[in-house]
Amino acid sequence: MDFLLILIPIWMVMGALGAWVAMAKNRSPIEGLMLGFLFGPFGVLITALMPNMPSKDKQASGGTDPSSQARSRSLDERGQIAYLETRYRELLDEVEPRWRSLPYHRKKTIMKQFDRRLMNELKLNATQFDDLSIEAARSILKQ
């Protein structure tokens, strides 16, 4: 009987801890509660080692595919991406009017020639520019 008086509060604490860990990982708190309650500290550990689930707002915006990159872009970054895409198209039209019929690697080579100029236009460092230009070039290179 004394054993149960000690064991029941431990089960409850482990269940609550499992639920809390599961919620922190965007998982179902019921799942964490059951694992913690049934398996004690091992259940909490199992819950902690489970992968994080994407948050609800990322799921709603399609955050599972790489094109959305599971991160939100600021309005300024989206504007820079749109600007880069427009500039790439303009420069491609100037250099090679029939660029749409060119193979992927040829379009990419032509676009690469203008990276330094566009990076200076936007006043970005190389890392920032690469991040944005990859996304801007994606739709152009698909054509």
Protein backbone atom coordinates (compact mmCIF):
# COMPACT_ATOMS: atom_id res chain seq x y z
CA MET A 1 0.00 0.00 0.00
CA ASP A 2 2.82 2.43 0.85
CA PHE A 3 4.43 1.52 -2.44
CA LEU A 4 1.33 2.68 -4.37
CA LEU A 5 1.26 5.99 -2.48
CA ILE A 6 4.73 6.69 -3.81
CA LEU A 7 4.24 5.20 -7.30
CA ILE A 8 0.99 7.01 -8.24
CA PRO A 9 2.39 10.56 -7.80
CA ILE A 10 5.52 9.55 -9.74
CA TRP A 11 3.33 8.25 -12.60
CA MET A 12 1.34 11.49 -12.59
CA VAL A 13 4.47 13.66 -12.59
CA MET A 14 6.05 11.62 -15.41
CA GLY A 15 2.81 11.84 -17.41
CA ALA A 16 2.66 15.62 -16.94
CA LEU A 17 6.34 15.96 -17.81
CA GLY A 18 5.83 13.83 -20.93
CA ALA A 19 2.89 16.01 -21.99
CA TRP A 20 4.93 19.17 -21.45
CA VAL A 21 7.87 17.83 -23.50
CA ALA A 22 5.50 16.74 -26.29
CA MET A 23 3.89 20.20 -26.42
CA ALA A 24 7.33 21.82 -26.61
CA LYS A 25 8.03 19.65 -29.66
CA ASN A 26 4.68 20.51 -31.30
CA ARG A 27 3.49 16.95 -30.76
CA SER A 28 0.26 15.78 -29.19
CA PRO A 29 0.31 16.23 -25.40
CA ILE A 30 -1.81 13.07 -25.10
CA GLU A 31 1.00 11.13 -26.75
CA GLY A 32 3.54 12.51 -24.25
CA LEU A 33 1.17 11.97 -21.32
CA MET A 34 0.63 8.33 -22.22
CA LEU A 35 4.31 7.61 -22.81
CA GLY A 36 5.32 9.34 -19.57
CA PHE A 37 2.56 7.69 -17.57
CA LEU A 38 3.14 4.18 -18.92
CA PHE A 39 6.93 4.13 -19.07
CA GLY A 40 7.92 6.76 -16.49
CA PRO A 41 11.28 8.46 -17.07
CA PHE A 42 11.90 6.25 -20.12
CA GLY A 43 8.64 7.48 -21.65
CA VAL A 44 9.68 11.09 -21.09
CA LEU A 45 13.04 10.31 -22.68
CA ILE A 46 11.34 8.67 -25.67
CA THR A 47 9.11 11.73 -26.06
CA ALA A 48 12.14 14.03 -25.88
CA LEU A 49 13.95 12.03 -28.56
CA MET A 50 11.02 12.08 -31.00
CA PRO A 51 11.38 14.54 -33.89
CA ASN A 52 9.75 17.96 -33.74
CA MET A 53 6.56 18.36 -35.70
CA PRO A 54 6.21 21.44 -37.91
CA SER A 55 4.10 24.15 -36.32
CA LYS A 56 0.54 24.74 -37.51
CA ASP A 57 1.32 28.00 -39.35
CA LYS A 58 4.12 26.34 -41.34
CA GLN A 59 1.82 23.47 -42.28
CA ALA A 60 -0.86 25.88 -43.45
CA SER A 61 1.62 27.77 -45.64
CA GLY A 62 3.00 24.58 -47.13
CA GLY A 63 6.16 24.53 -45.06
CA THR A 64 6.95 20.91 -45.86
CA ASP A 65 8.42 21.40 -49.32
CA PRO A 66 11.90 22.86 -49.85
CA SER A 67 10.65 25.73 -52.02
CA SER A 68 9.05 27.36 -49.01
CA GLN A 69 12.20 26.49 -47.06
CA ALA A 70 10.09 26.15 -43.89
CA ARG A 71 10.88 29.68 -42.95
CA SER A 72 9.10 32.92 -43.54
CA ARG A 73 10.67 35.70 -45.52
CA SER A 74 10.32 39.33 -44.61
CA LEU A 75 8.51 41.65 -46.98
CA ASP A 76 11.85 43.27 -47.82
CA GLU A 77 13.43 39.91 -48.75
CA ARG A 78 10.45 38.96 -50.91
CA GLY A 79 10.76 42.33 -52.68
CA GLN A 80 14.46 41.73 -53.29
CA ILE A 81 13.72 38.28 -54.69
CA ALA A 82 11.11 39.73 -57.04
CA TYR A 83 13.54 42.48 -58.07
CA LEU A 84 16.28 39.93 -58.77
CA GLU A 85 13.95 37.77 -60.81
CA THR A 86 12.88 40.77 -62.91
CA ARG A 87 16.48 41.94 -63.41
CA TYR A 88 17.63 38.44 -64.38
CA ARG A 89 14.87 38.26 -66.99
CA GLU A 90 15.75 41.72 -68.36
CA LEU A 91 19.44 40.88 -68.58
CA LEU A 92 18.72 37.53 -70.22
CA ASP A 93 16.51 39.29 -72.79
CA GLU A 94 19.36 41.72 -73.57
CA VAL A 95 22.07 39.09 -73.91
CA GLU A 96 20.11 36.20 -75.40
CA PRO A 97 16.58 37.04 -76.66
CA ARG A 98 15.76 33.34 -77.11
CA TRP A 99 16.94 32.40 -73.61
CA ARG A 100 13.74 30.51 -72.80
CA SER A 101 14.70 27.76 -75.25
CA LEU A 102 18.23 27.39 -73.86
CA PRO A 103 19.16 24.42 -71.66
CA TYR A 104 19.30 24.83 -67.89
CA HIS A 105 23.08 24.99 -67.58
CA ARG A 106 23.40 27.65 -70.32
CA LYS A 107 20.81 29.90 -68.65
CA LYS A 108 22.59 29.47 -65.34
CA THR A 109 25.96 30.38 -66.88
CA ILE A 110 24.56 33.55 -68.43
CA MET A 111 22.85 34.55 -65.17
CA LYS A 112 26.05 33.95 -63.19
CA GLN A 113 27.78 36.71 -65.19
CA PHE A 114 25.46 39.31 -63.66
CA ASP A 115 25.65 38.23 -60.02
CA ARG A 116 28.32 40.76 -58.98
CA ARG A 117 26.44 43.65 -60.61
CA LEU A 118 23.12 42.69 -59.01
CA MET A 119 24.76 42.14 -55.62
CA ASN A 120 26.12 45.68 -55.77
CA GLU A 121 22.74 47.07 -56.90
CA LEU A 122 21.06 45.56 -53.84
CA LYS A 123 24.02 46.31 -51.54
CA LEU A 124 24.09 42.77 -50.16
CA ASN A 125 26.99 40.64 -49.00
CA ALA A 126 27.73 37.41 -50.88
CA THR A 127 25.90 35.16 -48.42
CA GLN A 128 22.73 37.25 -48.43
CA PHE A 129 22.81 37.54 -52.19
CA ASP A 130 23.29 33.81 -52.74
CA ASP A 131 20.34 33.04 -50.48
CA LEU A 132 18.03 35.38 -52.38
CA SER A 133 19.37 34.75 -55.89
CA ILE A 134 18.86 30.99 -55.62
CA GLU A 135 15.19 31.54 -54.93
CA ALA A 136 14.88 34.19 -57.66
CA ALA A 137 16.59 31.98 -60.24
CA ARG A 138 14.49 28.93 -59.45
CA SER A 139 11.47 29.94 -61.56
CA ILE A 140 13.63 31.24 -64.42
CA LEU A 141 15.66 28.04 -64.67
CA LYS A 142 12.53 25.86 -64.69
CA GLN A 143 11.34 27.39 -67.96
